[in-house]
């Protein structure tokens, strides 16, 4: 119920107010029926295509979908950081947002791939993950650095700066 109300408010905002196009990716819907009044009563008339605006997708952090996705986006990449985590892991829920924030500040020099060990046990076994969270740095297919457990924000920043230099 609340989701429908929120969606309705969002769509009303987008349709009634033309949002600025600068800095927004846009896509067009086929045709939206807008209510109009006629002598016979309320009718729906097709309007011209409406433009809906969305924000950009963050490209510095992504969830690994499967083995081939891991191969393409992590192993074949030059500087990804791989965070092996689990939904049930308390420390992972603390470390994840900190690490994402620090990776985003690196302006694309480092990419963070999140791997859920419950969904991708084959990757966890291959990289010998025995505890979570485990953060690996994979460069050109090789593990060049890693740490296990939580680090504070200053330690994370130092860890990432060491990768870039």
N, C-alpha and C. Protein backbone atom coordinates (compact mmCIF):
# COMPACT_ATOMS: atom_id res chain seq x y z
N UNK A 1 0.83 -1.19 0.00
CA UNK A 1 0.00 0.00 0.00
C UNK A 1 0.87 1.25 0.00
N UNK A 2 1.83 1.30 0.91
CA UNK A 2 2.71 2.46 1.00
C UNK A 2 3.56 2.60 -0.25
N UNK A 3 3.97 1.48 -0.83
CA UNK A 3 4.77 1.52 -2.05
C UNK A 3 3.97 2.10 -3.21
N UNK A 4 2.69 1.71 -3.31
CA UNK A 4 1.84 2.24 -4.37
C UNK A 4 1.65 3.74 -4.22
N UNK A 5 1.44 4.18 -2.98
CA UNK A 5 1.25 5.60 -2.72
C UNK A 5 2.50 6.38 -3.08
N UNK A 6 3.65 5.86 -2.71
CA UNK A 6 4.93 6.51 -3.03
C UNK A 6 5.14 6.56 -4.54
N UNK A 7 4.86 5.47 -5.24
CA UNK A 7 5.00 5.44 -6.69
C UNK A 7 4.05 6.43 -7.35
N UNK A 8 2.81 6.49 -6.87
CA UNK A 8 1.84 7.42 -7.42
C UNK A 8 2.31 8.86 -7.25
N UNK A 9 2.83 9.19 -6.06
CA UNK A 9 3.33 10.55 -5.82
C UNK A 9 4.52 10.86 -6.72
N UNK A 10 5.41 9.92 -6.87
CA UNK A 10 6.58 10.12 -7.73
C UNK A 10 6.16 10.36 -9.17
N UNK A 11 5.28 9.52 -9.68
CA UNK A 11 4.85 9.67 -11.07
C UNK A 11 4.09 10.97 -11.28
N UNK A 12 3.29 11.38 -10.31
CA UNK A 12 2.58 12.66 -10.40
C UNK A 12 3.58 13.80 -10.47
N UNK A 13 4.59 13.73 -9.64
CA UNK A 13 5.63 14.75 -9.64
C UNK A 13 6.32 14.82 -10.99
N UNK A 14 6.68 13.67 -11.53
CA UNK A 14 7.41 13.61 -12.79
C UNK A 14 6.54 14.09 -13.94
N UNK A 15 5.28 13.69 -13.96
CA UNK A 15 4.41 14.05 -15.07
C UNK A 15 3.99 15.51 -15.01
N UNK A 16 3.64 16.01 -13.84
CA UNK A 16 3.15 17.38 -13.72
C UNK A 16 4.26 18.41 -13.77
N UNK A 17 5.41 18.09 -13.24
CA UNK A 17 6.52 19.04 -13.23
C UNK A 17 7.59 18.53 -14.17
N UNK A 18 7.99 19.33 -15.07
CA UNK A 18 9.07 18.95 -15.98
C UNK A 18 10.38 19.14 -15.23
N UNK A 19 11.02 18.06 -14.86
CA UNK A 19 12.27 18.13 -14.13
C UNK A 19 13.39 18.49 -15.09
N UNK A 20 14.44 19.21 -14.62
CA UNK A 20 15.54 19.58 -15.51
C UNK A 20 16.24 18.36 -16.06
N UNK A 21 16.67 18.43 -17.31
CA UNK A 21 17.29 17.29 -17.96
C UNK A 21 18.78 17.20 -17.72
N UNK A 22 19.42 18.28 -17.30
CA UNK A 22 20.88 18.26 -17.14
C UNK A 22 21.29 17.30 -16.04
N UNK A 23 22.22 16.40 -16.35
CA UNK A 23 22.74 15.48 -15.35
C UNK A 23 21.87 14.27 -15.07
N UNK A 24 20.75 14.13 -15.76
CA UNK A 24 19.84 13.01 -15.52
C UNK A 24 19.81 12.13 -16.75
N UNK A 25 19.80 10.82 -16.53
CA UNK A 25 19.57 9.89 -17.63
C UNK A 25 18.06 9.81 -17.79
N UNK A 26 17.58 9.69 -18.98
CA UNK A 26 16.13 9.65 -19.16
C UNK A 26 15.72 8.48 -20.04
N UNK A 27 14.50 8.09 -19.87
CA UNK A 27 13.92 7.09 -20.75
C UNK A 27 12.47 7.48 -20.98
N UNK A 28 11.88 6.99 -22.04
CA UNK A 28 10.55 7.42 -22.42
C UNK A 28 9.58 6.26 -22.30
N UNK A 29 8.42 6.54 -21.74
CA UNK A 29 7.38 5.52 -21.69
C UNK A 29 6.61 5.57 -23.01
N UNK A 30 5.87 4.53 -23.31
CA UNK A 30 5.17 4.48 -24.59
C UNK A 30 4.11 5.56 -24.67
N UNK A 31 3.07 5.47 -23.91
CA UNK A 31 2.10 6.55 -23.85
C UNK A 31 1.36 6.43 -22.54
N UNK A 32 1.12 7.56 -21.93
CA UNK A 32 0.41 7.58 -20.66
C UNK A 32 -0.96 8.19 -20.90
N UNK A 33 -1.97 7.62 -20.28
CA UNK A 33 -3.30 8.17 -20.41
C UNK A 33 -3.46 9.25 -19.35
N UNK A 34 -3.77 10.45 -19.80
CA UNK A 34 -4.00 11.55 -18.87
C UNK A 34 -5.48 11.89 -18.89
N UNK A 35 -6.06 12.10 -17.73
CA UNK A 35 -7.49 12.40 -17.70
C UNK A 35 -7.77 13.79 -18.29
N UNK A 36 -8.83 13.89 -19.03
CA UNK A 36 -9.27 15.19 -19.55
C UNK A 36 -10.79 15.24 -19.45
N UNK A 37 -11.29 16.45 -19.37
CA UNK A 37 -12.73 16.63 -19.25
C UNK A 37 -13.33 16.87 -20.62
N UNK A 38 -14.44 16.24 -20.87
CA UNK A 38 -15.17 16.45 -22.11
C UNK A 38 -16.64 16.62 -21.74
N UNK A 39 -17.46 17.10 -22.66
CA UNK A 39 -18.88 17.27 -22.33
C UNK A 39 -19.53 15.99 -21.85
N UNK A 40 -19.08 14.84 -22.28
CA UNK A 40 -19.69 13.58 -21.89
C UNK A 40 -19.19 13.08 -20.54
N UNK A 41 -18.23 13.72 -19.93
CA UNK A 41 -17.69 13.27 -18.65
C UNK A 41 -16.19 13.12 -18.70
N UNK A 42 -15.66 12.40 -17.77
CA UNK A 42 -14.21 12.20 -17.66
C UNK A 42 -13.78 11.08 -18.59
N UNK A 43 -12.85 11.35 -19.47
CA UNK A 43 -12.35 10.32 -20.38
C UNK A 43 -10.84 10.32 -20.35
N UNK A 44 -10.25 9.23 -20.78
CA UNK A 44 -8.79 9.15 -20.87
C UNK A 44 -8.37 9.33 -22.31
N UNK A 45 -7.44 10.25 -22.54
CA UNK A 45 -6.93 10.45 -23.89
C UNK A 45 -5.45 10.18 -23.89
N UNK A 46 -4.96 9.48 -24.88
CA UNK A 46 -3.53 9.22 -24.90
C UNK A 46 -2.76 10.53 -25.12
N UNK A 47 -1.75 10.74 -24.33
CA UNK A 47 -0.91 11.93 -24.51
C UNK A 47 0.35 11.53 -25.25
N UNK A 48 1.12 12.52 -25.62
CA UNK A 48 2.40 12.19 -26.24
C UNK A 48 3.27 11.52 -25.20
N UNK A 49 4.33 10.89 -25.63
CA UNK A 49 5.20 10.16 -24.72
C UNK A 49 5.76 11.10 -23.66
N UNK A 50 5.78 10.65 -22.43
CA UNK A 50 6.30 11.43 -21.32
C UNK A 50 7.71 10.98 -21.00
N UNK A 51 8.55 11.89 -20.56
CA UNK A 51 9.91 11.56 -20.20
C UNK A 51 10.00 11.39 -18.69
N UNK A 52 10.52 10.26 -18.27
CA UNK A 52 10.76 10.01 -16.86
C UNK A 52 12.25 10.11 -16.62
N UNK A 53 12.65 10.72 -15.53
CA UNK A 53 14.06 10.94 -15.25
C UNK A 53 14.53 10.05 -14.11
N UNK A 54 15.72 9.55 -14.24
CA UNK A 54 16.32 8.75 -13.18
C UNK A 54 17.72 9.26 -12.91
N UNK A 55 18.27 8.89 -11.78
CA UNK A 55 19.64 9.30 -11.47
C UNK A 55 20.60 8.27 -12.03
N UNK A 56 21.86 8.63 -12.08
CA UNK A 56 22.88 7.72 -12.57
C UNK A 56 23.08 6.56 -11.60
N UNK A 57 23.51 5.45 -12.13
CA UNK A 57 23.80 4.28 -11.32
C UNK A 57 25.26 4.35 -10.89
N UNK A 58 25.50 4.07 -9.63
CA UNK A 58 26.87 4.08 -9.12
C UNK A 58 27.64 2.92 -9.74
N UNK A 59 28.75 3.23 -10.40
CA UNK A 59 29.49 2.19 -11.10
C UNK A 59 30.70 1.71 -10.33
N UNK A 60 30.92 2.23 -9.12
CA UNK A 60 32.09 1.82 -8.36
C UNK A 60 31.82 0.61 -7.48
N UNK A 61 30.57 0.27 -7.25
CA UNK A 61 30.20 -0.87 -6.42
C UNK A 61 29.14 -1.69 -7.14
N UNK A 62 29.31 -3.02 -7.12
CA UNK A 62 28.32 -3.88 -7.74
C UNK A 62 28.29 -5.23 -7.03
N UNK A 63 27.18 -5.92 -7.16
CA UNK A 63 27.03 -7.28 -6.64
C UNK A 63 27.39 -8.26 -7.74
N UNK A 64 28.18 -9.25 -7.41
CA UNK A 64 28.54 -10.28 -8.38
C UNK A 64 27.33 -11.19 -8.56
N UNK A 65 26.94 -11.42 -9.82
CA UNK A 65 25.75 -12.21 -10.13
C UNK A 65 26.04 -13.70 -10.25
N UNK A 66 27.17 -14.06 -10.89
CA UNK A 66 27.51 -15.47 -11.09
C UNK A 66 28.99 -15.57 -11.45
N UNK A 67 29.43 -16.78 -11.74
CA UNK A 67 30.83 -17.03 -12.07
C UNK A 67 31.33 -16.24 -13.28
N UNK A 68 30.61 -16.28 -14.41
CA UNK A 68 31.06 -15.51 -15.57
C UNK A 68 31.10 -14.00 -15.30
N UNK A 69 30.14 -13.50 -14.51
CA UNK A 69 30.13 -12.08 -14.15
C UNK A 69 31.38 -11.74 -13.33
N UNK A 70 31.75 -12.63 -12.40
CA UNK A 70 32.95 -12.44 -11.59
C UNK A 70 34.18 -12.44 -12.49
N UNK A 71 34.23 -13.35 -13.43
CA UNK A 71 35.36 -13.43 -14.37
C UNK A 71 35.49 -12.14 -15.18
N UNK A 72 34.38 -11.67 -15.72
CA UNK A 72 34.39 -10.48 -16.58
C UNK A 72 34.72 -9.21 -15.80
N UNK A 73 34.06 -9.01 -14.67
CA UNK A 73 34.15 -7.73 -13.98
C UNK A 73 35.22 -7.66 -12.89
N UNK A 74 35.73 -8.80 -12.46
CA UNK A 74 36.73 -8.79 -11.38
C UNK A 74 38.07 -9.32 -11.88
N UNK A 75 38.10 -10.55 -12.33
CA UNK A 75 39.37 -11.17 -12.72
C UNK A 75 39.99 -10.43 -13.91
N UNK A 76 39.19 -10.01 -14.87
CA UNK A 76 39.71 -9.32 -16.05
C UNK A 76 39.90 -7.82 -15.84
N UNK A 77 39.59 -7.32 -14.67
CA UNK A 77 39.74 -5.90 -14.38
C UNK A 77 41.12 -5.62 -13.80
N UNK A 78 41.54 -4.35 -13.84
CA UNK A 78 42.86 -4.01 -13.35
C UNK A 78 42.92 -3.80 -11.84
N UNK A 79 41.89 -3.17 -11.24
CA UNK A 79 41.99 -2.87 -9.81
C UNK A 79 40.67 -3.03 -9.06
N UNK A 80 40.11 -4.20 -8.99
CA UNK A 80 38.93 -4.33 -8.14
C UNK A 80 39.27 -4.76 -6.72
N UNK A 81 38.40 -4.37 -5.80
CA UNK A 81 38.45 -4.83 -4.43
C UNK A 81 37.25 -5.74 -4.26
N UNK A 82 37.45 -6.94 -3.77
CA UNK A 82 36.36 -7.90 -3.64
C UNK A 82 36.05 -8.11 -2.17
N UNK A 83 34.80 -7.86 -1.81
CA UNK A 83 34.34 -8.01 -0.43
C UNK A 83 33.49 -9.27 -0.35
N UNK A 84 34.04 -10.33 0.27
CA UNK A 84 33.27 -11.55 0.51
C UNK A 84 32.50 -11.34 1.80
N UNK A 85 31.18 -11.47 1.72
CA UNK A 85 30.31 -11.18 2.85
C UNK A 85 29.15 -12.17 2.91
N UNK A 86 28.30 -12.01 3.92
CA UNK A 86 27.10 -12.84 4.06
C UNK A 86 25.99 -11.99 4.66
N UNK A 87 24.75 -12.34 4.33
CA UNK A 87 23.59 -11.60 4.84
C UNK A 87 23.49 -11.67 6.36
N UNK A 88 23.87 -12.80 6.94
CA UNK A 88 23.72 -13.03 8.37
C UNK A 88 24.89 -12.48 9.17
N UNK A 89 25.90 -11.93 8.54
CA UNK A 89 27.14 -11.50 9.19
C UNK A 89 27.02 -10.07 9.70
N UNK A 90 27.06 -9.90 11.01
CA UNK A 90 26.99 -8.57 11.63
C UNK A 90 28.16 -7.67 11.24
N UNK A 91 29.41 -8.13 11.37
CA UNK A 91 30.54 -7.29 10.97
C UNK A 91 30.50 -6.89 9.49
N UNK A 92 29.94 -7.75 8.63
CA UNK A 92 29.83 -7.41 7.21
C UNK A 92 28.92 -6.21 7.01
N UNK A 93 27.86 -6.13 7.82
CA UNK A 93 26.91 -5.03 7.71
C UNK A 93 27.53 -3.72 8.18
N UNK A 94 28.55 -3.80 9.00
CA UNK A 94 29.26 -2.60 9.45
C UNK A 94 30.32 -2.20 8.42
N UNK A 95 31.11 -3.17 8.00
CA UNK A 95 32.22 -2.90 7.09
C UNK A 95 31.76 -2.47 5.71
N UNK A 96 30.71 -3.12 5.19
CA UNK A 96 30.25 -2.87 3.82
C UNK A 96 30.02 -1.40 3.49
N UNK A 97 29.18 -0.69 4.24
CA UNK A 97 28.95 0.73 3.94
C UNK A 97 30.20 1.59 4.06
N UNK A 98 31.04 1.31 5.04
CA UNK A 98 32.29 2.07 5.19
C UNK A 98 33.16 1.89 3.95
N UNK A 99 33.30 0.63 3.54
CA UNK A 99 34.15 0.32 2.39
C UNK A 99 33.58 0.94 1.10
N UNK A 100 32.26 0.86 0.93
CA UNK A 100 31.62 1.46 -0.25
C UNK A 100 31.89 2.96 -0.30
N UNK A 101 31.77 3.62 0.84
CA UNK A 101 32.00 5.06 0.91
C UNK A 101 33.44 5.41 0.54
N UNK A 102 34.39 4.65 1.05
CA UNK A 102 35.81 4.91 0.77
C UNK A 102 36.15 4.61 -0.69
N UNK A 103 35.55 3.57 -1.25
CA UNK A 103 35.78 3.23 -2.66
C UNK A 103 35.21 4.33 -3.56
N UNK A 104 34.03 4.84 -3.23
CA UNK A 104 33.41 5.90 -4.03
C UNK A 104 34.28 7.15 -4.05
N UNK A 105 34.99 7.42 -2.98
CA UNK A 105 35.86 8.60 -2.91
C UNK A 105 37.10 8.48 -3.80
N UNK A 106 37.39 7.29 -4.28
CA UNK A 106 38.59 7.07 -5.10
C UNK A 106 38.37 7.42 -6.57
N UNK A 107 37.18 7.91 -6.92
CA UNK A 107 36.86 8.39 -8.26
C UNK A 107 37.13 7.36 -9.37
N UNK A 108 36.73 6.12 -9.15
CA UNK A 108 36.83 5.10 -10.19
C UNK A 108 38.17 4.41 -10.30
N UNK A 109 39.13 4.77 -9.47
CA UNK A 109 40.44 4.12 -9.52
C UNK A 109 40.38 2.73 -8.90
N UNK A 110 39.37 2.51 -8.08
CA UNK A 110 39.14 1.21 -7.43
C UNK A 110 37.68 0.86 -7.61
N UNK A 111 37.39 -0.40 -7.88
CA UNK A 111 36.03 -0.88 -8.03
C UNK A 111 35.76 -1.94 -6.98
N UNK A 112 34.59 -1.89 -6.35
CA UNK A 112 34.26 -2.84 -5.30
C UNK A 112 33.22 -3.84 -5.79
N UNK A 113 33.56 -5.12 -5.71
CA UNK A 113 32.64 -6.19 -6.06
C UNK A 113 32.23 -6.89 -4.77
N UNK A 114 30.91 -7.02 -4.55
CA UNK A 114 30.42 -7.69 -3.35
C UNK A 114 29.99 -9.11 -3.71
N UNK A 115 30.52 -10.08 -2.96
CA UNK A 115 30.21 -11.49 -3.22
C UNK A 115 29.59 -12.07 -1.96
N UNK A 116 28.37 -12.56 -2.07
CA UNK A 116 27.70 -13.23 -0.96
C UNK A 116 28.16 -14.69 -0.95
N UNK A 117 28.79 -15.11 0.15
CA UNK A 117 29.36 -16.47 0.19
C UNK A 117 28.29 -17.55 0.18
N UNK A 118 27.08 -17.22 0.61
CA UNK A 118 26.00 -18.21 0.59
C UNK A 118 25.50 -18.45 -0.84
N UNK A 119 25.53 -17.43 -1.66
CA UNK A 119 25.09 -17.54 -3.05
C UNK A 119 26.20 -18.06 -3.97
N UNK A 120 27.45 -17.77 -3.61
CA UNK A 120 28.59 -18.11 -4.46
C UNK A 120 29.63 -18.91 -3.68
N UNK A 121 29.23 -20.07 -3.21
CA UNK A 121 30.15 -20.89 -2.41
C UNK A 121 31.36 -21.34 -3.23
N UNK A 122 31.17 -21.52 -4.53
CA UNK A 122 32.30 -21.93 -5.38
C UNK A 122 33.41 -20.88 -5.38
N UNK A 123 33.05 -19.60 -5.42
CA UNK A 123 34.05 -18.54 -5.37
C UNK A 123 34.71 -18.46 -4.00
N UNK A 124 33.92 -18.67 -2.94
CA UNK A 124 34.47 -18.65 -1.59
C UNK A 124 35.48 -19.78 -1.40
N UNK A 125 35.18 -20.95 -1.94
CA UNK A 125 36.11 -22.09 -1.84
C UNK A 125 37.35 -21.82 -2.68
N UNK A 126 37.17 -21.32 -3.88
CA UNK A 126 38.30 -21.06 -4.77
C UNK A 126 39.29 -20.07 -4.16
N UNK A 127 38.78 -19.04 -3.49
CA UNK A 127 39.65 -18.02 -2.90
C UNK A 127 39.94 -18.27 -1.41
N UNK A 128 39.61 -19.49 -0.94
CA UNK A 128 39.92 -19.94 0.43
C UNK A 128 39.41 -18.97 1.50
N UNK A 129 38.14 -18.60 1.39
CA UNK A 129 37.52 -17.70 2.37
C UNK A 129 37.09 -18.55 3.55
N UNK A 130 37.70 -18.31 4.72
CA UNK A 130 37.36 -19.09 5.91
C UNK A 130 36.59 -18.28 6.94
N UNK A 131 36.54 -16.96 6.78
CA UNK A 131 35.80 -16.09 7.68
C UNK A 131 35.31 -14.88 6.88
N UNK A 132 34.21 -14.30 7.35
CA UNK A 132 33.69 -13.09 6.71
C UNK A 132 33.61 -11.98 7.75
N UNK A 133 33.79 -10.75 7.35
CA UNK A 133 34.11 -10.28 6.02
C UNK A 133 35.59 -10.51 5.68
N UNK A 134 35.83 -10.84 4.43
CA UNK A 134 37.18 -10.93 3.89
C UNK A 134 37.23 -10.04 2.66
N UNK A 135 38.21 -9.16 2.63
CA UNK A 135 38.37 -8.25 1.51
C UNK A 135 39.65 -8.63 0.77
N UNK A 136 39.50 -8.92 -0.52
CA UNK A 136 40.64 -9.25 -1.37
C UNK A 136 40.85 -8.14 -2.39
N UNK A 137 42.10 -7.92 -2.74
CA UNK A 137 42.41 -7.03 -3.85
C UNK A 137 42.92 -7.92 -4.98
N UNK A 138 42.16 -7.93 -6.07
CA UNK A 138 42.53 -8.76 -7.21
C UNK A 138 42.93 -7.82 -8.35
N UNK A 139 44.16 -7.98 -8.81
CA UNK A 139 44.70 -7.16 -9.89
C UNK A 139 45.16 -8.08 -11.00
N UNK A 140 44.58 -7.91 -12.17
CA UNK A 140 44.92 -8.73 -13.33
C UNK A 140 44.82 -10.23 -13.04
N UNK A 141 43.81 -10.61 -12.26
CA UNK A 141 43.57 -12.02 -11.97
C UNK A 141 44.29 -12.58 -10.77
N UNK A 142 45.20 -11.82 -10.15
CA UNK A 142 45.96 -12.30 -9.00
C UNK A 142 45.56 -11.56 -7.74
N UNK A 143 45.52 -12.29 -6.61
CA UNK A 143 45.27 -11.66 -5.31
C UNK A 143 46.56 -11.01 -4.87
N UNK A 144 46.53 -9.68 -4.72
CA UNK A 144 47.75 -8.95 -4.35
C UNK A 144 47.73 -8.46 -2.91
N UNK A 145 46.55 -8.41 -2.28
CA UNK A 145 46.46 -7.99 -0.89
C UNK A 145 45.12 -8.46 -0.34
N UNK A 146 45.04 -8.55 1.00
CA UNK A 146 43.77 -8.96 1.61
C UNK A 146 43.78 -8.64 3.09
N UNK A 147 42.57 -8.58 3.66
CA UNK A 147 42.44 -8.53 5.11
C UNK A 147 41.13 -9.21 5.50
N UNK A 148 41.10 -9.68 6.73
CA UNK A 148 39.93 -10.38 7.27
C UNK A 148 39.45 -9.61 8.49
N UNK A 149 38.13 -9.42 8.59
CA UNK A 149 37.56 -8.73 9.74
C UNK A 149 37.31 -7.26 9.45
N UNK A 150 37.01 -6.55 10.53
CA UNK A 150 36.67 -5.13 10.41
C UNK A 150 37.91 -4.27 10.57
N UNK A 151 37.97 -3.22 9.78
CA UNK A 151 38.97 -2.17 9.91
C UNK A 151 38.19 -0.87 10.14
N UNK A 152 38.80 0.08 10.85
CA UNK A 152 38.10 1.36 10.99
C UNK A 152 38.27 2.18 9.71
N UNK A 153 37.58 3.31 9.64
CA UNK A 153 37.55 4.08 8.40
C UNK A 153 38.93 4.59 8.00
N UNK A 154 39.75 4.98 8.96
CA UNK A 154 41.10 5.45 8.64
C UNK A 154 41.96 4.33 8.07
N UNK A 155 41.84 3.13 8.64
CA UNK A 155 42.60 1.99 8.13
C UNK A 155 42.14 1.61 6.72
N UNK A 156 40.83 1.72 6.47
CA UNK A 156 40.31 1.43 5.12
C UNK A 156 40.85 2.43 4.11
N UNK A 157 40.87 3.69 4.50
CA UNK A 157 41.39 4.71 3.59
C UNK A 157 42.86 4.47 3.28
N UNK A 158 43.65 4.13 4.29
CA UNK A 158 45.07 3.84 4.07
C UNK A 158 45.24 2.61 3.19
N UNK A 159 44.41 1.59 3.41
CA UNK A 159 44.44 0.37 2.62
C UNK A 159 44.21 0.69 1.14
N UNK A 160 43.19 1.51 0.86
CA UNK A 160 42.86 1.84 -0.53
C UNK A 160 43.91 2.75 -1.16
N UNK A 161 44.43 3.68 -0.40
CA UNK A 161 45.47 4.58 -0.95
C UNK A 161 46.72 3.80 -1.31
N UNK A 162 47.02 2.75 -0.53
CA UNK A 162 48.18 1.91 -0.84
C UNK A 162 47.99 1.21 -2.18
N UNK A 163 46.74 0.88 -2.53
CA UNK A 163 46.45 0.21 -3.80
C UNK A 163 46.66 1.13 -4.99
N UNK A 164 46.31 2.38 -4.81
CA UNK A 164 46.36 3.33 -5.91
C UNK A 164 47.79 3.77 -6.21
N UNK A 165 48.60 3.94 -5.17
CA UNK A 165 49.95 4.44 -5.39
C UNK A 165 50.90 3.38 -5.90
